[in-house]
Amino acid sequence: MSTNHILPKADRVQEPSGLRLPKDRRAPYALMGIRGRFIGLLIVVTAALAVSFFGHAFLFEQWRIQQERQLHRSNILEEVLRLQRLMMDVETNFRGYLLAEQQSFLEPIHLAEVRLEIGIARLTDLTASTPGLQAGVQVLSARLKEFVDSKKKLAAFIGTDQQEQVRLYVRGGNGRALFLTIEKAIGDFEVRIERELPLEAMTYESWMQRARWQLLLLEGLGVVVCVYLTRTLGLPKKNSFEPGAGLLL
């Protein structure tokens, strides 16, 4: 005889096919799910901030390199312009001394050699990181030194019995031809600069406008990725310990 027929109805033992966990045992698993989602959300936010930081750093590094490149180019051209102005001063003072024979015109000619050495040294330092310009600096240095030396020698002949030869030298166009070779050497060097360090076509306003769009695109991409990952982590998952789910023994 079955024991269920002997015991009262209220004391009879049910024989279910599966056991369900009590609520007090399901609570820890629910708490673990909340913690997991919180940790996942924290990871997503950290990853989004990291991507944004490194993206900004990359963009600013690119802008910095471009700006330094253009500044480097400007410094080289500025030094070349100083050397060109020095040659013009030498030519102007030489002609003034030839016409007036005043000693005040000789001082800039004598100082030109020292100023030329200083200028060439600065230009050599500026082009040290650009091997393609080193050969041009050497050629330009040789032409400028030849020009200054020739003017110093000619100026020494003025006031002597060889002064007429100096005048013939100037009238014959030899001095002008030498000055044109200087201009050609400077022009060739500027072509080298344009080839090695091309001028950026974008203006400052264009750079700022492009920078704003790049940053906006980067921020938008970060938001999209963050939303996608957040929704992915927030999808409901079926839990075997939720009410209505049975645990088979």
C-alpha atoms as a PDB file:
ATOM      1  CA  MET A   1       0.000   0.000   0.000  1.00  0.00           C
ATOM      2  CA  SER A   2       1.282   3.474  -0.868  1.00  0.00           C
ATOM      3  CA  THR A   3       2.265   5.787   1.959  1.00  0.00           C
ATOM      4  CA  ASN A   4       0.362   8.638   0.251  1.00  0.00           C
ATOM      5  CA  HIS A   5      -2.895   6.808   1.059  1.00  0.00           C
ATOM      6  CA  ILE A   6      -1.964   6.634   4.767  1.00  0.00           C
ATOM      7  CA  LEU A   7      -0.740  10.235   5.268  1.00  0.00           C
ATOM      8  CA  PRO A   8      -3.167  13.124   5.300  1.00  0.00           C
ATOM      9  CA  LYS A   9      -3.620  15.051   2.067  1.00  0.00           C
ATOM     10  CA  ALA A  10      -1.796  18.094   3.391  1.00  0.00           C
ATOM     11  CA  ASP A  11       1.218  15.944   4.360  1.00  0.00           C
ATOM     12  CA  ARG A  12       1.542  14.064   1.130  1.00  0.00           C
ATOM     13  CA  VAL A  13       4.884  14.513  -0.729  1.00  0.00           C
ATOM     14  CA  GLN A  14       4.679  15.735  -4.288  1.00  0.00           C
ATOM     15  CA  GLU A  15       6.937  14.041  -6.820  1.00  0.00           C
ATOM     16  CA  PRO A  16       7.613  16.697  -9.482  1.00  0.00           C
ATOM     17  CA  SER A  17       9.684  15.919 -12.542  1.00  0.00           C
ATOM     18  CA  GLY A  18      11.971  18.903 -11.862  1.00  0.00           C
ATOM     19  CA  LEU A  19      12.936  21.021  -8.912  1.00  0.00           C
ATOM     20  CA  ARG A  20      12.820  24.823  -8.943  1.00  0.00           C
ATOM     21  CA  LEU A  21      15.306  26.824  -6.880  1.00  0.00           C
ATOM     22  CA  PRO A  22      13.814  28.924  -4.116  1.00  0.00           C
ATOM     23  CA  LYS A  23      13.852  32.688  -4.496  1.00  0.00           C
ATOM     24  CA  ASP A  24      16.527  33.089  -1.859  1.00  0.00           C
ATOM     25  CA  ARG A  25      18.862  30.904  -3.981  1.00  0.00           C
ATOM     26  CA  ARG A  26      18.023  32.715  -7.274  1.00  0.00           C
ATOM     27  CA  ALA A  27      18.957  36.155  -5.853  1.00  0.00           C
ATOM     28  CA  PRO A  28      22.772  35.661  -5.928  1.00  0.00           C
ATOM     29  CA  TYR A  29      22.638  34.705  -9.616  1.00  0.00           C
ATOM     30  CA  ALA A  30      20.613  37.807 -10.467  1.00  0.00           C
ATOM     31  CA  LEU A  31      23.117  39.929  -8.546  1.00  0.00           C
ATOM     32  CA  MET A  32      25.969  38.324 -10.502  1.00  0.00           C
ATOM     33  CA  GLY A  33      24.205  39.226 -13.771  1.00  0.00           C
ATOM     34  CA  ILE A  34      23.877  42.869 -12.709  1.00  0.00           C
ATOM     35  CA  ARG A  35      27.541  43.018 -11.719  1.00  0.00           C
ATOM     36  CA  GLY A  36      28.570  41.452 -15.036  1.00  0.00           C
ATOM     37  CA  ARG A  37      26.619  44.028 -17.009  1.00  0.00           C
ATOM     38  CA  PHE A  38      28.054  46.849 -14.908  1.00  0.00           C
ATOM     39  CA  ILE A  39      31.589  45.595 -15.512  1.00  0.00           C
ATOM     40  CA  GLY A  40      30.837  45.236 -19.223  1.00  0.00           C
ATOM     41  CA  LEU A  41      29.487  48.780 -19.365  1.00  0.00           C
ATOM     42  CA  LEU A  42      32.581  50.035 -17.557  1.00  0.00           C
ATOM     43  CA  ILE A  43      34.799  48.246 -20.074  1.00  0.00           C
ATOM     44  CA  VAL A  44      32.858  49.776 -22.980  1.00  0.00           C
ATOM     45  CA  VAL A  45      33.164  53.299 -21.576  1.00  0.00           C
ATOM     46  CA  THR A  46      36.879  52.826 -20.904  1.00  0.00           C
ATOM     47  CA  ALA A  47      37.465  51.479 -24.402  1.00  0.00           C
ATOM     48  CA  ALA A  48      35.522  54.370 -25.954  1.00  0.00           C
ATOM     49  CA  LEU A  49      37.537  56.924 -23.984  1.00  0.00           C
ATOM     50  CA  ALA A  50      40.782  55.189 -24.938  1.00  0.00           C
ATOM     51  CA  VAL A  51      39.857  55.174 -28.632  1.00  0.00           C
ATOM     52  CA  SER A  52      38.884  58.848 -28.452  1.00  0.00           C
ATOM     53  CA  PHE A  53      42.120  59.761 -26.665  1.00  0.00           C
ATOM     54  CA  PHE A  54      44.398  57.913 -29.065  1.00  0.00           C
ATOM     55  CA  GLY A  55      42.429  59.204 -32.048  1.00  0.00           C
ATOM     56  CA  HIS A  56      42.846  62.793 -30.885  1.00  0.00           C
ATOM     57  CA  ALA A  57      46.517  62.168 -30.170  1.00  0.00           C
ATOM     58  CA  PHE A  58      47.031  60.752 -33.669  1.00  0.00           C
ATOM     59  CA  LEU A  59      45.293  63.694 -35.362  1.00  0.00           C
ATOM     60  CA  PHE A  60      47.171  66.289 -33.326  1.00  0.00           C
ATOM     61  CA  GLU A  61      50.460  64.505 -34.044  1.00  0.00           C
ATOM     62  CA  GLN A  62      49.766  64.642 -37.778  1.00  0.00           C
ATOM     63  CA  TRP A  63      48.949  68.349 -37.565  1.00  0.00           C
ATOM     64  CA  ARG A  64      52.061  69.005 -35.485  1.00  0.00           C
ATOM     65  CA  ILE A  65      54.319  67.231 -37.987  1.00  0.00           C
ATOM     66  CA  GLN A  66      52.784  69.150 -40.877  1.00  0.00           C
ATOM     67  CA  GLN A  67      53.112  72.494 -39.105  1.00  0.00           C
ATOM     68  CA  GLU A  68      56.723  71.812 -38.114  1.00  0.00           C
ATOM     69  CA  ARG A  69      57.483  70.836 -41.701  1.00  0.00           C
ATOM     70  CA  GLN A  70      56.078  74.097 -43.022  1.00  0.00           C
ATOM     71  CA  LEU A  71      57.884  76.088 -40.321  1.00  0.00           C
ATOM     72  CA  HIS A  72      61.128  74.330 -41.216  1.00  0.00           C
ATOM     73  CA  ARG A  73      60.575  75.238 -44.868  1.00  0.00           C
ATOM     74  CA  SER A  74      59.933  78.876 -43.956  1.00  0.00           C
ATOM     75  CA  ASN A  75      63.114  79.066 -41.864  1.00  0.00           C
ATOM     76  CA  ILE A  76      65.222  77.739 -44.742  1.00  0.00           C
ATOM     77  CA  LEU A  77      63.700  80.181 -47.222  1.00  0.00           C
ATOM     78  CA  GLU A  78      64.206  83.022 -44.759  1.00  0.00           C
ATOM     79  CA  GLU A  79      67.901  82.177 -44.458  1.00  0.00           C
ATOM     80  CA  VAL A  80      68.249  82.000 -48.239  1.00  0.00           C
ATOM     81  CA  LEU A  81      66.607  85.420 -48.460  1.00  0.00           C
ATOM     82  CA  ARG A  82      69.146  86.806 -45.982  1.00  0.00           C
ATOM     83  CA  LEU A  83      72.011  85.488 -48.097  1.00  0.00           C
ATOM     84  CA  GLN A  84      70.466  86.964 -51.216  1.00  0.00           C
ATOM     85  CA  ARG A  85      70.108  90.335 -49.515  1.00  0.00           C
ATOM     86  CA  LEU A  86      73.736  90.091 -48.408  1.00  0.00           C
ATOM     87  CA  MET A  87      74.874  89.626 -52.008  1.00  0.00           C
ATOM     88  CA  MET A  88      72.811  92.621 -53.093  1.00  0.00           C
ATOM     89  CA  ASP A  89      74.413  94.731 -50.352  1.00  0.00           C
ATOM     90  CA  VAL A  90      77.867  93.663 -51.525  1.00  0.00           C
ATOM     91  CA  GLU A  91      77.063  94.562 -55.133  1.00  0.00           C
ATOM     92  CA  THR A  92      75.517  97.909 -54.153  1.00  0.00           C
ATOM     93  CA  ASN A  93      78.438  98.936 -51.909  1.00  0.00           C
ATOM     94  CA  PHE A  94      80.963  97.826 -54.508  1.00  0.00           C
ATOM     95  CA  ARG A  95      79.389 100.058 -57.138  1.00  0.00           C
ATOM     96  CA  GLY A  96      79.151 102.910 -54.622  1.00  0.00           C
ATOM     97  CA  TYR A  97      82.845 102.579 -53.807  1.00  0.00           C
ATOM     98  CA  LEU A  98      83.703 102.441 -57.491  1.00  0.00           C
ATOM     99  CA  LEU A  99      81.882 105.706 -58.119  1.00  0.00           C
ATOM    100  CA  ALA A 100      82.639 107.684 -54.944  1.00  0.00           C
ATOM    101  CA  GLU A 101      85.798 105.940 -53.662  1.00  0.00           C
ATOM    102  CA  GLN A 102      84.670 106.465 -50.074  1.00  0.00           C
ATOM    103  CA  GLN A 103      85.898 104.057 -47.405  1.00  0.00           C
ATOM    104  CA  SER A 104      82.443 103.779 -45.877  1.00  0.00           C
ATOM    105  CA  PHE A 105      81.438 101.565 -48.814  1.00  0.00           C
ATOM    106  CA  LEU A 106      84.215  99.071 -48.064  1.00  0.00           C
ATOM    107  CA  GLU A 107      83.095  98.112 -44.581  1.00  0.00           C
ATOM    108  CA  PRO A 108      80.011  96.108 -45.694  1.00  0.00           C
ATOM    109  CA  ILE A 109      82.185  94.330 -48.284  1.00  0.00           C
ATOM    110  CA  HIS A 110      84.772  93.304 -45.708  1.00  0.00           C
ATOM    111  CA  LEU A 111      82.090  92.178 -43.241  1.00  0.00           C
ATOM    112  CA  ALA A 112      80.282  90.202 -45.939  1.00  0.00           C
ATOM    113  CA  GLU A 113      82.688  87.280 -45.662  1.00  0.00           C
ATOM    114  CA  VAL A 114      81.990  86.800 -41.942  1.00  0.00           C
ATOM    115  CA  ARG A 115      78.249  87.258 -42.421  1.00  0.00           C
ATOM    116  CA  LEU A 116      78.338  84.759 -45.267  1.00  0.00           C
ATOM    117  CA  GLU A 117      80.048  82.116 -43.115  1.00  0.00           C
ATOM    118  CA  ILE A 118      77.466  82.595 -40.375  1.00  0.00           C
ATOM    119  CA  GLY A 119      74.598  82.385 -42.844  1.00  0.00           C
ATOM    120  CA  ILE A 120      75.953  79.248 -44.521  1.00  0.00           C
ATOM    121  CA  ALA A 121      76.466  77.625 -41.111  1.00  0.00           C
ATOM    122  CA  ARG A 122      72.838  78.337 -40.157  1.00  0.00           C
ATOM    123  CA  LEU A 123      71.620  77.050 -43.517  1.00  0.00           C
ATOM    124  CA  THR A 124      73.678  73.873 -43.078  1.00  0.00           C
ATOM    125  CA  ASP A 125      72.119  73.280 -39.655  1.00  0.00           C
ATOM    126  CA  LEU A 126      68.626  73.857 -41.008  1.00  0.00           C
ATOM    127  CA  THR A 127      69.106  71.373 -43.848  1.00  0.00           C
ATOM    128  CA  ALA A 128      70.846  68.719 -41.730  1.00  0.00           C
ATOM    129  CA  SER A 129      67.638  66.669 -41.554  1.00  0.00           C
ATOM    130  CA  THR A 130      67.045  66.997 -45.316  1.00  0.00           C
ATOM    131  CA  PRO A 131      69.835  65.207 -47.226  1.00  0.00           C
ATOM    132  CA  GLY A 132      68.397  66.308 -50.565  1.00  0.00           C
ATOM    133  CA  LEU A 133      69.309  69.925 -49.771  1.00  0.00           C
ATOM    134  CA  GLN A 134      72.863  69.338 -48.547  1.00  0.00           C
ATOM    135  CA  ALA A 135      74.354  69.266 -52.046  1.00  0.00           C
ATOM    136  CA  GLY A 136      72.499  72.460 -52.919  1.00  0.00           C
ATOM    137  CA  VAL A 137      73.931  74.201 -49.847  1.00  0.00           C
ATOM    138  CA  GLN A 138      77.465  73.289 -50.906  1.00  0.00           C
ATOM    139  CA  VAL A 139      76.944  74.602 -54.436  1.00  0.00           C
ATOM    140  CA  LEU A 140      75.325  77.780 -53.163  1.00  0.00           C
ATOM    141  CA  SER A 141      78.122  78.317 -50.629  1.00  0.00           C
ATOM    142  CA  ALA A 142      80.801  77.987 -53.327  1.00  0.00           C
ATOM    143  CA  ARG A 143      79.035  80.491 -55.619  1.00  0.00           C
ATOM    144  CA  LEU A 144      78.507  83.063 -52.884  1.00  0.00           C
ATOM    145  CA  LYS A 145      82.092  82.853 -51.646  1.00  0.00           C
ATOM    146  CA  GLU A 146      83.348  83.263 -55.198  1.00  0.00           C
ATOM    147  CA  PHE A 147      81.163  86.355 -55.601  1.00  0.00           C
ATOM    148  CA  VAL A 148      82.340  87.983 -52.352  1.00  0.00           C
ATOM    149  CA  ASP A 149      86.017  87.218 -53.060  1.00  0.00           C
ATOM    150  CA  SER A 150      85.795  88.707 -56.541  1.00  0.00           C
ATOM    151  CA  LYS A 151      84.259  91.936 -55.221  1.00  0.00           C
ATOM    152  CA  LYS A 152      86.921  92.242 -52.507  1.00  0.00           C
ATOM    153  CA  LYS A 153      89.713  91.806 -55.049  1.00  0.00           C
ATOM    154  CA  LEU A 154      88.178  94.320 -57.425  1.00  0.00           C
ATOM    155  CA  ALA A 155      87.637  96.819 -54.609  1.00  0.00           C
ATOM    156  CA  ALA A 156      91.339  96.521 -53.701  1.00  0.00           C
ATOM    157  CA  PHE A 157      92.257  97.665 -57.233  1.00  0.00           C
ATOM    158  CA  ILE A 158      90.251 100.875 -56.949  1.00  0.00           C
ATOM    159  CA  GLY A 159      92.504 103.881 -56.335  1.00  0.00           C
ATOM    160  CA  THR A 160      95.496 102.153 -57.948  1.00  0.00           C
ATOM    161  CA  ASP A 161      96.840 102.050 -61.479  1.00  0.00           C
ATOM    162  CA  GLN A 162      94.565  99.048 -62.161  1.00  0.00           C
ATOM    163  CA  GLN A 163      91.376 100.990 -61.489  1.00  0.00           C
ATOM    164  CA  GLU A 164      90.644 101.333 -65.186  1.00  0.00           C
ATOM    165  CA  GLN A 165      90.605  97.549 -65.541  1.00  0.00           C
ATOM    166  CA  VAL A 166      87.970  97.434 -62.854  1.00  0.00           C
ATOM    167  CA  ARG A 167      85.856  99.940 -64.738  1.00  0.00           C
ATOM    168  CA  LEU A 168      86.234  97.924 -67.921  1.00  0.00           C
ATOM    169  CA  TYR A 169      85.245  94.814 -65.996  1.00  0.00           C
ATOM    170  CA  VAL A 170      82.040  96.486 -64.839  1.00  0.00           C
ATOM    171  CA  ARG A 171      81.230  98.103 -68.186  1.00  0.00           C
ATOM    172  CA  GLY A 172      81.796  94.855 -70.030  1.00  0.00           C
ATOM    173  CA  GLY A 173      79.037  93.171 -68.057  1.00  0.00           C
ATOM    174  CA  ASN A 174      81.278  90.627 -66.347  1.00  0.00           C
ATOM    175  CA  GLY A 175      80.131  91.743 -62.932  1.00  0.00           C
ATOM    176  CA  ARG A 176      76.510  91.493 -63.983  1.00  0.00           C
ATOM    177  CA  ALA A 177      77.087  88.017 -65.387  1.00  0.00           C
ATOM    178  CA  LEU A 178      78.599  86.889 -62.090  1.00  0.00           C
ATOM    179  CA  PHE A 179      75.657  88.325 -60.194  1.00  0.00           C
ATOM    180  CA  LEU A 180      73.283  86.425 -62.503  1.00  0.00           C
ATOM    181  CA  THR A 181      75.058  83.179 -61.672  1.00  0.00           C
ATOM    182  CA  ILE A 182      74.364  83.927 -58.008  1.00  0.00           C
ATOM    183  CA  GLU A 183      70.693  84.464 -58.757  1.00  0.00           C
ATOM    184  CA  LYS A 184      70.606  81.226 -60.726  1.00  0.00           C
ATOM    185  CA  ALA A 185      72.248  79.297 -57.871  1.00  0.00           C
ATOM    186  CA  ILE A 186      69.698  80.705 -55.430  1.00  0.00           C
ATOM    187  CA  GLY A 187      66.864  79.879 -57.818  1.00  0.00           C
ATOM    188  CA  ASP A 188      68.094  76.288 -58.212  1.00  0.00           C
ATOM    189  CA  PHE A 189      68.291  75.920 -54.456  1.00  0.00           C
ATOM    190  CA  GLU A 190      64.736  77.211 -54.063  1.00  0.00           C
ATOM    191  CA  VAL A 191      63.611  74.594 -56.595  1.00  0.00           C
ATOM    192  CA  ARG A 192      65.275  71.934 -54.437  1.00  0.00           C
ATOM    193  CA  ILE A 193      63.416  73.269 -51.417  1.00  0.00           C
ATOM    194  CA  GLU A 194      60.119  73.082 -53.262  1.00  0.00           C
ATOM    195  CA  ARG A 195      60.839  69.486 -54.242  1.00  0.00           C
ATOM    196  CA  GLU A 196      61.989  68.323 -50.814  1.00  0.00           C
ATOM    197  CA  LEU A 197      59.634  70.469 -48.706  1.00  0.00           C
ATOM    198  CA  PRO A 198      56.598  71.314 -50.845  1.00  0.00           C
ATOM    199  CA  LEU A 199      54.350  74.145 -49.772  1.00  0.00           C
ATOM    200  CA  GLU A 200      51.088  73.056 -48.180  1.00  0.00           C
ATOM    201  CA  ALA A 201      48.247  74.313 -50.355  1.00  0.00           C
ATOM    202  CA  MET A 202      45.758  74.472 -47.489  1.00  0.00           C
ATOM    203  CA  THR A 203      45.406  77.728 -45.609  1.00  0.00           C
ATOM    204  CA  TYR A 204      45.090  77.987 -41.832  1.00  0.00           C
ATOM    205  CA  GLU A 205      41.308  78.354 -42.095  1.00  0.00           C
ATOM    206  CA  SER A 206      41.119  75.236 -44.281  1.00  0.00           C
ATOM    207  CA  TRP A 207      43.232  73.320 -41.773  1.00  0.00           C
ATOM    208  CA  MET A 208      40.943  74.333 -38.915  1.00  0.00           C
ATOM    209  CA  GLN A 209      37.825  73.413 -40.868  1.00  0.00           C
ATOM    210  CA  ARG A 210      39.194  69.987 -41.754  1.00  0.00           C
ATOM    211  CA  ALA A 211      40.316  69.493 -38.152  1.00  0.00           C
ATOM    212  CA  ARG A 212      36.795  70.193 -36.888  1.00  0.00           C
ATOM    213  CA  TRP A 213      35.290  67.669 -39.311  1.00  0.00           C
ATOM    214  CA  GLN A 214      37.862  65.037 -38.406  1.00  0.00           C
ATOM    215  CA  LEU A 215      37.208  65.476 -34.704  1.00  0.00           C
ATOM    216  CA  LEU A 216      33.448  65.392 -35.278  1.00  0.00           C
ATOM    217  CA  LEU A 217      33.786  62.177 -37.290  1.00  0.00           C
ATOM    218  CA  LEU A 218      35.961  60.642 -34.592  1.00  0.00           C
ATOM    219  CA  GLU A 219      33.494  61.559 -31.840  1.00  0.00           C
ATOM    220  CA  GLY A 220      30.562  60.218 -33.878  1.00  0.00           C
ATOM    221  CA  LEU A 221      32.355  56.950 -34.511  1.00  0.00           C
ATOM    222  CA  GLY A 222      33.113  56.597 -30.824  1.00  0.00           C
ATOM    223  CA  VAL A 223      29.449  57.192 -29.910  1.00  0.00           C
ATOM    224  CA  VAL A 224      28.251  54.631 -32.462  1.00  0.00           C
ATOM    225  CA  VAL A 225      30.678  51.989 -31.207  1.00  0.00           C
ATOM    226  CA  CYS A 226      29.789  52.728 -27.588  1.00  0.00           C
ATOM    227  CA  VAL A 227      26.039  52.444 -28.267  1.00  0.00           C
ATOM    228  CA  TYR A 228      26.508  49.219 -30.213  1.00  0.00           C
ATOM    229  CA  LEU A 229      28.570  47.574 -27.496  1.00  0.00           C
ATOM    230  CA  THR A 230      26.199  48.789 -24.790  1.00  0.00           C
ATOM    231  CA  ARG A 231      23.186  47.307 -26.568  1.00  0.00           C
ATOM    232  CA  THR A 232      25.103  44.094 -27.172  1.00  0.00           C
ATOM    233  CA  LEU A 233      25.906  43.725 -23.490  1.00  0.00           C
ATOM    234  CA  GLY A 234      22.373  44.693 -22.507  1.00  0.00           C
ATOM    235  CA  LEU A 235      20.610  41.967 -24.545  1.00  0.00           C
ATOM    236  CA  PRO A 236      18.471  39.709 -22.314  1.00  0.00           C
ATOM    237  CA  LYS A 237      19.835  36.233 -21.838  1.00  0.00           C
ATOM    238  CA  LYS A 238      17.765  33.211 -20.799  1.00  0.00           C
ATOM    239  CA  ASN A 239      18.738  32.151 -17.329  1.00  0.00           C
ATOM    240  CA  SER A 240      18.000  28.658 -16.091  1.00  0.00           C
ATOM    241  CA  PHE A 241      17.491  30.031 -12.609  1.00  0.00           C
ATOM    242  CA  GLU A 242      14.707  32.495 -13.536  1.00  0.00           C
ATOM    243  CA  PRO A 243      11.177  31.758 -12.374  1.00  0.00           C
ATOM    244  CA  GLY A 244       9.443  29.268 -14.580  1.00  0.00           C
ATOM    245  CA  ALA A 245      12.619  27.370 -15.457  1.00  0.00           C
ATOM    246  CA  GLY A 246      13.041  23.979 -13.890  1.00  0.00           C
ATOM    247  CA  LEU A 247      16.270  22.368 -12.820  1.00  0.00           C
ATOM    248  CA  LEU A 248      16.316  18.667 -13.500  1.00  0.00           C
ATOM    249  CA  LEU A 249      18.064  16.494 -10.973  1.00  0.00           C
END
